Amino acid sequence: MKDRTVRVAWAALAAAVLFGLFSLARESLVPFGADYDRARWRLTGDEPAYLLTAQAIASGDGEDVSRVHAAGTYANYQPRIVIGPRQWTYEDYEKRCGVRFLMDRRAAWGDAQIIHGGPLEPLFAAPFALSPVRPRWKILFAQGVFAALVAAALVLLAPGGRRAAPLAAAACVAFLGGAPVVWYTAEIFPEILIGSLLALSLLLARREGTAARLLGLACLFLPLWGSSRVVAAVGAAALVHAVAAARRRRWADLAVLAGGVAAYFGYHLWRWGAFFPPNTDAASPITLSLVPRGFLRYFFGNSVGLLFLAPVAWTGLVCLARLLRRPSRDPAVLPATALALGIALSVGAFPAFRGGTCPAGRYQVAEAFVLLAPVLLFLGSEPADSPWRRRVLFLLGVLGTATLALGAWLAANPAWWFERYHPAFRHPRLQPHYAWLPDFDGRWAGPLALWLALFLAATFAPDAHRAAARLLRCGRRAA
């Protein structure tokens, strides 16, 4: 009972710290008392479209935005129209976007206008979208509360006893308290929901209790309604779970997995007449030849590289590599690997790696959540006297502190996130040093080697310190 109380206390502390950081980002972008013009500042990318779909859902029209748009409900968050009178109709997808459907769903659509973003974020935003006062702020507040509660749940679900609780709380704060997670709690995009559900899935599906495990498998599929960028990753993780369930004759697990696959493909066949949602950006098709460099850009790119937005993510990669030496050590190891690699490879295969006009690091948010799981697994199972545990704790302390400091600094400067380069380099004193980051459209081999060396040096810094201390002791004895 005492262990449970201690873990709940650490979970509550982590949630409180993170909600404070999320609130800093929200109030920097959309202050509570902002007037109409200030409240819509930097409302960009697909955010107005997600809001419009949320208004349609709240009005009982499902994903058909034609009626609410004609009524001008978008005026509660911005004055300009969101879509044209015939945009996003079935014919528009075919003629203007060049989308090819397997089944003709024209009759079922009629004159409906359905935006292709996916219903996950609009469903979350729907309870607040029609509010005449501060609809954007209310959605962002709810999103911050949700992410903080998920962090608390991850601390509670992390393996290990009472002594592991403060480390789990510290890891959650380090990963979720830095960029880009903090910033996207202040954006109306589905990435926070996607990342939260994937992290919960990893920690729930590993548990022996049937109810928790089935809930974890269900959480694995929900992100598919948020972004097509995670389809390959979720598919790979689902396959890993299916093989494990078949070996252990867990038929309920297989039923949930089969239901998730059927629901995803069934929904898209019913909605679009195709197995997958349409890619409306003809300039950004999946291109496998981009994957090698795109994979490196995903982590080390000078404008969106995850390791430059959240250096603590290196700790997640180190823990994942160590866990893979014995993948049977924990049932979440292989699903975490499938998700982490699948997300990075999928994003790396698209030319539009940055997400159009989105703020920096949109497609790195889910990865930050996923890479948190290997850290929690490692800290909960690695022996206390292990040299790798010592190295990981050092990385968590040093890189986690750097990540939190950078995340808070960037959260307080919202305009910086909308530049075409790394947001921190908007600061005049840092701009001359931007060439030190790898530019994968130009000079990248040298800077990449430099940063790999720095991260590896940080990993083994505790060994150098211990060796130096040992030499010092030997010198004193000799004297």
Protein backbone atom coordinates (compact mmCIF):
# COMPACT_ATOMS: atom_id res chain seq x y z
CA MET A 1 0.00 0.00 0.00
CA LYS A 2 2.85 2.35 0.86
CA ASP A 3 4.57 1.65 -2.48
CA ARG A 4 1.36 2.51 -4.30
CA THR A 5 1.02 5.78 -2.38
CA VAL A 6 4.59 6.77 -3.19
CA ARG A 7 4.09 6.02 -6.89
CA VAL A 8 0.83 8.02 -6.99
CA ALA A 9 2.62 10.96 -5.36
CA TRP A 10 5.39 10.91 -7.97
CA ALA A 11 2.84 10.55 -10.76
CA ALA A 12 0.92 13.58 -9.47
CA LEU A 13 4.15 15.60 -9.22
CA ALA A 14 5.13 14.74 -12.79
CA ALA A 15 1.66 15.70 -14.03
CA ALA A 16 1.76 19.01 -12.17
CA VAL A 17 5.20 19.97 -13.51
CA LEU A 18 4.25 19.07 -17.05
CA PHE A 19 0.93 20.89 -16.90
CA GLY A 20 2.86 23.98 -15.82
CA LEU A 21 5.11 23.71 -18.90
CA PHE A 22 2.12 23.03 -21.16
CA SER A 23 0.42 26.11 -19.74
CA LEU A 24 3.51 28.22 -20.48
CA ALA A 25 3.32 27.24 -24.15
CA ARG A 26 -0.45 27.77 -24.28
CA GLU A 27 -0.44 31.18 -22.61
CA SER A 28 2.49 32.32 -24.76
CA LEU A 29 0.51 31.50 -27.88
CA VAL A 30 -3.10 32.07 -26.82
CA PRO A 31 -3.39 34.06 -23.56
CA PHE A 32 -6.57 33.43 -21.58
CA GLY A 33 -7.70 37.06 -21.82
CA ALA A 34 -6.72 37.57 -25.47
CA ASP A 35 -9.01 39.55 -27.75
CA TYR A 36 -10.37 38.05 -30.96
CA ASP A 37 -7.37 38.93 -33.13
CA ARG A 38 -4.80 37.79 -30.57
CA ALA A 39 -6.73 34.57 -29.90
CA ARG A 40 -6.41 33.52 -33.54
CA TRP A 41 -2.74 34.45 -33.89
CA ARG A 42 -0.74 31.75 -35.69
CA LEU A 43 -3.80 29.56 -36.23
CA THR A 44 -2.25 27.86 -39.22
CA GLY A 45 -1.85 24.73 -41.31
CA ASP A 46 -4.70 22.25 -40.86
CA GLU A 47 -5.86 23.67 -37.53
CA PRO A 48 -8.84 25.62 -38.96
CA ALA A 49 -9.90 22.51 -40.88
CA TYR A 50 -9.73 20.32 -37.75
CA LEU A 51 -11.80 22.93 -35.92
CA LEU A 52 -14.38 23.03 -38.71
CA THR A 53 -14.74 19.23 -38.64
CA ALA A 54 -15.07 19.41 -34.86
CA GLN A 55 -17.92 21.91 -35.29
CA ALA A 56 -19.63 19.58 -37.77
CA ILE A 57 -19.36 16.66 -35.33
CA ALA A 58 -20.68 18.81 -32.49
CA SER A 59 -23.59 19.89 -34.72
CA GLY A 60 -24.57 16.31 -35.52
CA ASP A 61 -23.34 16.36 -39.13
CA GLY A 62 -20.54 13.86 -38.69
CA GLU A 63 -17.52 14.77 -40.81
CA ASP A 64 -19.56 16.67 -43.41
CA VAL A 65 -18.55 20.31 -42.91
CA SER A 66 -20.73 21.80 -45.66
CA ARG A 67 -23.59 22.95 -43.42
CA VAL A 68 -21.56 24.45 -40.60
CA HIS A 69 -19.26 26.20 -43.05
CA ALA A 70 -22.20 27.67 -44.94
CA ALA A 71 -23.57 28.90 -41.59
CA GLY A 72 -20.27 30.66 -40.87
CA THR A 73 -19.60 28.91 -37.55
CA TYR A 74 -15.86 29.22 -38.25
CA ALA A 75 -16.20 32.91 -37.38
CA ASN A 76 -15.87 32.06 -33.68
CA TYR A 77 -12.16 31.37 -34.26
CA GLN A 78 -11.23 33.21 -37.51
CA PRO A 79 -12.96 35.59 -39.92
CA ARG A 80 -11.78 34.15 -43.25
CA ILE A 81 -13.43 31.15 -44.91
CA VAL A 82 -11.81 27.77 -44.34
CA ILE A 83 -12.75 25.99 -47.57
CA GLY A 84 -14.22 26.87 -50.94
CA PRO A 85 -17.84 26.14 -51.93
CA ARG A 86 -16.96 22.95 -53.83
CA GLN A 87 -13.70 22.06 -52.14
CA TRP A 88 -13.27 18.59 -50.60
CA THR A 89 -16.30 17.14 -52.36
CA TYR A 90 -16.01 13.68 -53.89
CA GLU A 91 -15.52 15.18 -57.35
CA ASP A 92 -12.90 17.58 -56.00
CA TYR A 93 -10.82 14.70 -54.65
CA GLU A 94 -11.00 12.97 -58.02
CA LYS A 95 -10.46 15.93 -60.37
CA ARG A 96 -8.29 18.43 -58.51
CA CYS A 97 -6.37 16.09 -56.22
CA GLY A 98 -6.16 13.16 -58.63
CA VAL A 99 -7.28 10.63 -55.98
CA ARG A 100 -8.23 7.19 -57.28
CA PHE A 101 -10.81 5.19 -55.31
CA LEU A 102 -11.37 1.42 -55.46
CA MET A 103 -15.11 1.80 -54.93
CA ASP A 104 -17.39 4.56 -56.18
CA ARG A 105 -18.81 6.31 -53.10
CA ARG A 106 -20.16 9.33 -55.01
CA ALA A 107 -23.81 8.51 -54.35
CA ALA A 108 -23.22 8.02 -50.63
CA TRP A 109 -21.44 11.37 -50.39
CA GLY A 110 -23.90 13.48 -52.31
CA ASP A 111 -22.86 17.12 -51.83
CA ALA A 112 -20.91 16.44 -48.64
CA GLN A 113 -17.59 18.17 -48.02
CA ILE A 114 -15.28 15.97 -45.94
CA ILE A 115 -11.80 17.12 -45.03
CA HIS A 116 -9.18 14.39 -45.22
CA GLY A 117 -7.40 15.02 -41.89
CA GLY A 118 -8.98 12.18 -39.91
CA PRO A 119 -11.57 12.38 -37.11
CA LEU A 120 -9.36 11.79 -34.02
CA GLU A 121 -8.49 15.41 -33.20
CA PRO A 122 -11.92 16.79 -34.26
CA LEU A 123 -13.65 14.30 -31.92
CA PHE A 124 -11.48 15.50 -29.05
CA ALA A 125 -12.12 19.17 -29.90
CA ALA A 126 -15.86 18.81 -30.61
CA PRO A 127 -17.12 19.60 -27.06
CA PHE A 128 -15.45 23.03 -27.22
CA ALA A 129 -15.51 23.88 -30.93
CA LEU A 130 -18.88 25.66 -31.02
CA SER A 131 -18.18 27.78 -27.96
CA PRO A 132 -18.53 31.50 -28.79
CA VAL A 133 -15.86 32.41 -26.23
CA ARG A 134 -12.24 31.18 -26.32
CA PRO A 135 -12.85 27.91 -28.26
CA ARG A 136 -9.19 27.56 -29.19
CA TRP A 137 -7.96 28.20 -25.64
CA LYS A 138 -10.44 25.67 -24.21
CA ILE A 139 -9.29 22.94 -26.59
CA LEU A 140 -5.65 23.62 -25.78
CA PHE A 141 -6.36 23.64 -22.05
CA ALA A 142 -8.12 20.26 -22.35
CA GLN A 143 -5.25 18.92 -24.44
CA GLY A 144 -2.74 19.99 -21.80
CA VAL A 145 -4.79 18.33 -19.05
CA PHE A 146 -5.04 15.16 -21.13
CA ALA A 147 -1.28 15.00 -21.78
CA ALA A 148 -0.50 15.63 -18.09
CA LEU A 149 -2.88 12.84 -17.04
CA VAL A 150 -1.30 10.49 -19.57
CA ALA A 151 2.11 11.27 -18.08
CA ALA A 152 0.77 10.40 -14.63
CA ALA A 153 -0.64 7.14 -16.01
CA LEU A 154 2.74 6.28 -17.56
CA VAL A 155 4.44 6.75 -14.19
CA LEU A 156 1.86 4.47 -12.56
CA LEU A 157 2.22 1.85 -15.31
CA ALA A 158 6.02 1.88 -15.43
CA PRO A 159 7.67 -1.33 -14.21
CA GLY A 160 9.72 -1.47 -11.01
CA GLY A 161 9.04 -0.94 -7.34
CA ARG A 162 8.92 2.15 -5.17
CA ARG A 163 12.51 3.12 -5.97
CA ALA A 164 11.71 3.20 -9.69
CA ALA A 165 8.88 5.71 -9.25
CA PRO A 166 11.00 8.91 -9.02
CA LEU A 167 13.08 7.80 -12.00
CA ALA A 168 9.91 7.11 -14.03
CA ALA A 169 8.56 10.54 -13.08
CA ALA A 170 11.85 12.20 -14.05
CA ALA A 171 11.90 10.38 -17.40
CA CYS A 172 8.31 11.43 -18.18
CA VAL A 173 9.04 15.06 -17.34
CA ALA A 174 12.25 15.04 -19.41
CA PHE A 175 10.66 13.51 -22.52
CA LEU A 176 7.27 15.23 -22.42
CA GLY A 177 8.50 18.51 -20.94
CA GLY A 178 10.70 19.41 -23.88
CA ALA A 179 10.21 20.33 -27.46
CA PRO A 180 8.38 19.32 -29.53
CA VAL A 181 5.82 17.76 -27.16
CA VAL A 182 5.33 20.88 -25.04
CA TRP A 183 4.74 23.01 -28.08
CA TYR A 184 2.20 20.70 -29.68
CA THR A 185 0.04 20.69 -26.58
CA ALA A 186 -0.58 24.29 -27.69
CA GLU A 187 -1.49 23.29 -31.26
CA ILE A 188 -4.73 21.78 -32.56
CA PHE A 189 -3.15 18.80 -34.28
CA PRO A 190 -3.58 15.08 -33.50
CA GLU A 191 0.06 14.33 -32.64
CA ILE A 192 -0.35 14.67 -28.86
CA LEU A 193 -3.29 12.25 -28.91
CA ILE A 194 -1.41 9.87 -31.20
CA GLY A 195 1.75 9.85 -29.09
CA SER A 196 -0.18 9.49 -25.84
CA LEU A 197 -2.18 6.52 -27.11
CA LEU A 198 0.90 4.77 -28.48
CA ALA A 199 2.82 5.18 -25.21
CA LEU A 200 -0.17 3.93 -23.22
CA SER A 201 -0.49 1.00 -25.59
CA LEU A 202 3.12 -0.05 -25.01
CA LEU A 203 2.81 -0.03 -21.22
CA LEU A 204 -0.70 -1.51 -21.02
CA ALA A 205 -0.30 -4.33 -23.56
CA ARG A 206 2.71 -5.74 -21.67
CA ARG A 207 0.68 -6.39 -18.51
CA GLU A 208 -0.60 -9.83 -17.56
CA GLY A 209 -4.11 -8.68 -16.67
CA THR A 210 -6.44 -9.39 -19.58
CA ALA A 211 -8.45 -6.16 -19.32
CA ALA A 212 -5.34 -3.94 -19.27
CA ARG A 213 -3.74 -5.87 -22.13
CA LEU A 214 -6.83 -5.64 -24.33
CA LEU A 215 -7.15 -1.94 -23.59
CA GLY A 216 -3.52 -1.51 -24.64
CA LEU A 217 -4.16 -3.26 -27.94
CA ALA A 218 -7.19 -1.05 -28.55
CA CYS A 219 -5.05 2.05 -27.85
CA LEU A 220 -2.66 0.87 -30.56
CA PHE A 221 -5.28 1.27 -33.28
CA LEU A 222 -6.91 4.57 -32.30
CA PRO A 223 -3.99 6.70 -33.61
CA LEU A 224 -4.74 5.42 -37.13
CA TRP A 225 -7.68 7.83 -37.21
CA GLY A 226 -5.30 10.70 -36.54
CA SER A 227 -2.55 10.43 -39.15
CA SER A 228 -1.56 8.12 -41.98
CA ARG A 229 2.09 8.69 -40.99
CA VAL A 230 1.75 6.01 -38.29
CA VAL A 231 -0.02 3.33 -40.36
CA ALA A 232 3.15 1.35 -41.14
CA ALA A 233 4.39 1.60 -37.54
CA VAL A 234 1.09 0.49 -36.05
CA GLY A 235 0.82 -2.31 -38.59
CA ALA A 236 4.28 -3.61 -37.67
CA ALA A 237 3.53 -3.42 -33.93
CA ALA A 238 0.18 -5.16 -34.45
CA LEU A 239 1.95 -7.98 -36.30
CA VAL A 240 4.39 -8.39 -33.39
CA HIS A 241 1.48 -8.56 -30.94
CA ALA A 242 -0.36 -11.04 -33.16
CA VAL A 243 2.60 -13.44 -33.31
CA ALA A 244 3.03 -13.25 -29.52
CA ALA A 245 -0.72 -13.79 -28.95
CA ALA A 246 -0.80 -16.79 -31.29
CA ARG A 247 2.16 -18.39 -29.52
CA ARG A 248 0.50 -17.97 -26.12
CA ARG A 249 -2.98 -18.88 -27.42
CA ARG A 250 -4.46 -15.58 -26.33
CA TRP A 251 -7.50 -15.63 -28.55
CA ALA A 252 -9.01 -12.48 -27.04
CA ASP A 253 -5.87 -10.57 -28.03
CA LEU A 254 -6.15 -11.85 -31.59
CA ALA A 255 -9.82 -10.88 -31.68
CA VAL A 256 -9.03 -7.30 -30.64
CA LEU A 257 -6.20 -7.08 -33.18
CA ALA A 258 -8.41 -8.45 -35.95
CA GLY A 259 -11.17 -6.06 -34.92
CA GLY A 260 -8.77 -3.11 -35.07
CA VAL A 261 -7.60 -4.02 -38.57
CA ALA A 262 -11.17 -4.60 -39.77
CA ALA A 263 -12.37 -1.33 -38.24
CA TYR A 264 -9.59 0.68 -39.88
CA PHE A 265 -9.97 -0.72 -43.37
CA GLY A 266 -13.75 -0.94 -43.06
CA TYR A 267 -14.00 2.72 -42.10
CA HIS A 268 -11.91 3.86 -45.06
CA LEU A 269 -13.76 1.65 -47.52
CA TRP A 270 -17.03 3.10 -46.24
CA ARG A 271 -15.78 6.68 -46.17
CA TRP A 272 -13.48 6.90 -49.19
CA GLY A 273 -13.95 3.68 -51.14
CA ALA A 274 -10.25 2.86 -50.58
CA PHE A 275 -8.20 1.02 -47.98
CA PHE A 276 -6.23 4.09 -46.99
CA PRO A 277 -7.04 7.81 -46.66
CA PRO A 278 -6.20 9.88 -49.74
CA ASN A 279 -2.87 11.65 -50.11
CA THR A 280 -3.96 15.03 -51.46
CA ASP A 281 -0.41 16.36 -51.80
CA ALA A 282 0.67 15.16 -55.23
CA ALA A 283 4.11 16.69 -54.65
CA SER A 284 4.74 14.44 -51.63
CA PRO A 285 4.16 10.78 -52.54
CA ILE A 286 5.81 7.93 -50.65
CA THR A 287 9.31 7.61 -52.16
CA LEU A 288 11.35 4.71 -50.82
CA SER A 289 14.59 6.07 -52.29
CA LEU A 290 14.34 8.92 -49.78
CA VAL A 291 14.34 6.58 -46.76
CA PRO A 292 18.09 6.30 -45.95
CA ARG A 293 18.70 10.04 -45.85
CA GLY A 294 15.16 10.73 -44.63
CA PHE A 295 15.71 8.44 -41.64
CA LEU A 296 18.86 10.36 -40.66
CA ARG A 297 17.13 13.69 -41.26
CA TYR A 298 14.31 12.60 -38.96
CA PHE A 299 16.69 12.48 -36.00
CA PHE A 300 19.48 14.86 -37.04
CA GLY A 301 17.95 17.30 -39.55
CA ASN A 302 18.81 20.93 -38.84
CA SER A 303 15.20 22.13 -38.83
CA VAL A 304 13.18 19.22 -37.40
CA GLY A 305 15.69 16.69 -36.07
CA LEU A 306 14.27 15.09 -32.94
CA LEU A 307 17.66 14.99 -31.20
CA PHE A 308 18.06 18.74 -31.62
CA LEU A 309 14.55 19.50 -30.43
CA ALA A 310 14.69 16.98 -27.56
CA PRO A 311 18.26 15.74 -26.91
CA VAL A 312 16.96 13.34 -24.24
CA ALA A 313 15.54 11.21 -27.07
CA TRP A 314 19.07 9.83 -27.43
CA THR A 315 18.51 8.16 -24.05
CA GLY A 316 15.48 6.39 -25.52
CA LEU A 317 17.52 5.12 -28.46
CA VAL A 318 20.27 3.86 -26.13
CA CYS A 319 17.75 2.06 -23.91
CA LEU A 320 16.02 0.53 -26.91
CA ALA A 321 19.34 -0.75 -28.27
CA ARG A 322 20.18 -2.31 -24.90
CA LEU A 323 16.76 -3.92 -24.55
CA LEU A 324 17.04 -5.41 -28.04
CA ARG A 325 20.04 -7.44 -26.92
CA ARG A 326 17.47 -9.57 -25.06
CA PRO A 327 14.10 -8.83 -26.68
CA SER A 328 12.39 -11.49 -24.57
CA ARG A 329 13.24 -9.43 -21.48
CA ASP A 330 9.92 -7.60 -21.75
CA PRO A 331 6.90 -8.08 -24.06
CA ALA A 332 6.93 -4.36 -24.93
CA VAL A 333 10.45 -4.34 -26.41
CA LEU A 334 9.60 -5.51 -29.93
CA PRO A 335 6.39 -3.44 -30.25
CA ALA A 336 8.32 -0.36 -29.09
CA THR A 337 10.99 -1.08 -31.71
CA ALA A 338 8.37 -1.50 -34.42
CA LEU A 339 6.72 1.81 -33.51
CA ALA A 340 9.95 3.80 -33.12
CA LEU A 341 11.49 2.59 -36.39
CA GLY A 342 8.18 2.55 -38.25
CA ILE A 343 7.37 6.18 -37.50
CA ALA A 344 10.85 7.40 -38.43
CA LEU A 345 10.97 5.38 -41.65
CA SER A 346 7.46 6.44 -42.70
CA VAL A 347 8.16 10.14 -42.24
CA GLY A 348 11.53 9.72 -43.94
CA ALA A 349 9.80 8.31 -47.03
CA PHE A 350 7.82 11.51 -47.67
CA PRO A 351 9.39 14.56 -49.37
CA ALA A 352 7.24 16.85 -47.16
CA PHE A 353 9.11 15.78 -44.03
CA ARG A 354 8.30 19.01 -42.19
CA GLY A 355 4.51 18.93 -42.56
CA GLY A 356 3.95 21.93 -44.84
CA THR A 357 3.21 25.10 -42.90
CA CYS A 358 3.10 23.29 -39.54
CA PRO A 359 5.36 24.47 -36.72
CA ALA A 360 8.67 22.66 -36.31
CA GLY A 361 8.77 19.03 -35.26
CA ARG A 362 5.17 17.94 -35.83
CA TYR A 363 6.07 14.43 -36.98
CA GLN A 364 8.59 13.98 -34.14
CA VAL A 365 5.98 14.31 -31.36
CA ALA A 366 4.75 10.70 -31.42
CA GLU A 367 8.34 9.45 -31.55
CA ALA A 368 9.15 11.30 -28.31
CA PHE A 369 6.27 9.50 -26.59
CA VAL A 370 7.29 6.12 -28.02
CA LEU A 371 10.98 6.48 -27.06
CA LEU A 372 9.95 7.24 -23.48
CA ALA A 373 8.68 3.66 -23.11
CA PRO A 374 12.10 1.94 -23.52
CA VAL A 375 13.54 4.25 -20.85
CA LEU A 376 10.80 3.29 -18.41
CA LEU A 377 11.25 -0.41 -19.23
CA PHE A 378 15.02 -0.20 -18.83
CA LEU A 379 14.96 1.70 -15.54
CA GLY A 380 12.39 -0.70 -14.13
CA SER A 381 14.39 -3.85 -14.88
CA GLU A 382 18.12 -3.05 -15.10
CA PRO A 383 20.14 -4.09 -12.01
CA ALA A 384 21.23 -1.26 -9.75
CA ASP A 385 24.93 -2.07 -10.18
CA SER A 386 24.80 -2.23 -13.99
CA PRO A 387 27.22 0.10 -15.79
CA TRP A 388 24.56 0.73 -18.43
CA ARG A 389 22.11 1.84 -15.77
CA ARG A 390 24.73 4.34 -14.60
CA ARG A 391 25.20 5.60 -18.17
CA VAL A 392 21.46 5.93 -18.78
CA LEU A 393 20.94 7.84 -15.55
CA PHE A 394 23.75 10.21 -16.54
CA LEU A 395 22.18 10.75 -19.97
CA LEU A 396 18.76 11.27 -18.43
CA GLY A 397 20.14 13.87 -16.06
CA VAL A 398 22.28 15.82 -18.52
CA LEU A 399 20.25 15.52 -21.72
CA GLY A 400 16.97 15.70 -19.81
CA THR A 401 17.98 19.00 -18.20
CA ALA A 402 19.05 20.38 -21.59
CA THR A 403 15.76 19.24 -23.13
CA LEU A 404 13.68 20.88 -20.40
CA ALA A 405 15.60 24.13 -20.59
CA LEU A 406 15.28 24.27 -24.37
CA GLY A 407 11.60 23.31 -24.24
CA ALA A 408 10.75 26.03 -21.71
CA TRP A 409 12.76 28.64 -23.62
CA LEU A 410 11.03 27.83 -26.90
CA ALA A 411 7.60 27.60 -25.27
CA ALA A 412 8.03 31.18 -24.11
CA ASN A 413 8.84 32.32 -27.67
CA PRO A 414 6.00 31.00 -29.84
CA ALA A 415 6.87 32.91 -33.02
CA TRP A 416 10.16 31.01 -33.26
CA TRP A 417 8.37 27.74 -34.05
CA PHE A 418 7.10 28.92 -37.40
CA GLU A 419 10.45 29.53 -39.10
CA ARG A 420 11.97 27.27 -41.73
CA TYR A 421 14.95 26.48 -39.51
CA HIS A 422 15.45 25.15 -36.00
CA PRO A 423 13.36 27.41 -33.73
CA ALA A 424 16.19 28.13 -31.28
CA PHE A 425 18.32 29.60 -34.06
CA ARG A 426 16.03 32.57 -34.46
CA HIS A 427 18.04 34.02 -31.59
CA PRO A 428 20.61 36.40 -33.19
CA ARG A 429 23.51 35.02 -31.17
CA LEU A 430 22.87 31.48 -32.36
CA GLN A 431 22.28 32.18 -36.06
CA PRO A 432 26.01 32.26 -37.00
CA HIS A 433 26.37 28.69 -35.66
CA TYR A 434 23.52 27.12 -37.62
CA ALA A 435 25.93 25.44 -40.04
CA TRP A 436 27.01 23.11 -37.23
CA LEU A 437 23.69 21.25 -37.66
CA PRO A 438 23.44 18.74 -40.55
CA ASP A 439 21.71 20.16 -43.63
CA PHE A 440 20.50 17.14 -45.61
CA ASP A 441 19.91 19.31 -48.66
CA GLY A 442 23.51 20.47 -48.49
CA ARG A 443 26.39 19.82 -46.07
CA TRP A 444 25.54 17.03 -43.65
CA ALA A 445 28.18 14.28 -43.43
CA GLY A 446 30.69 16.25 -41.33
CA PRO A 447 28.15 17.77 -38.91
CA LEU A 448 26.40 14.40 -38.55
CA ALA A 449 29.67 12.69 -37.62
CA LEU A 450 30.38 15.47 -35.12
CA TRP A 451 27.01 15.14 -33.38
CA LEU A 452 27.16 11.35 -33.33
CA ALA A 453 30.55 11.61 -31.65
CA LEU A 454 29.18 14.08 -29.10
CA PHE A 455 26.20 11.90 -28.21
CA LEU A 456 28.42 8.81 -27.93
CA ALA A 457 30.88 10.73 -25.78
CA ALA A 458 28.04 11.76 -23.47
CA THR A 459 26.94 8.13 -23.24
CA PHE A 460 30.30 6.95 -21.98
CA ALA A 461 31.24 10.04 -19.97
CA PRO A 462 30.50 8.29 -16.64
CA ASP A 463 33.12 5.65 -17.52
CA ALA A 464 35.73 8.32 -18.16
CA HIS A 465 34.89 9.96 -14.86
CA ARG A 466 35.22 6.67 -12.96
CA ALA A 467 38.50 5.87 -14.73
CA ALA A 468 39.89 9.31 -13.83
CA ALA A 469 38.81 8.90 -10.21
CA ARG A 470 40.45 5.46 -10.08
CA LEU A 471 43.71 6.85 -11.46
CA LEU A 472 43.59 9.68 -8.94
CA ARG A 473 43.16 7.23 -6.08
CA CYS A 474 46.04 5.09 -7.35
CA GLY A 475 48.24 8.18 -7.59
CA ARG A 476 47.46 9.15 -4.02
CA ARG A 477 48.28 5.64 -2.77
CA ALA A 478 51.57 5.64 -4.66
CA ALA A 479 52.46 9.00 -3.12
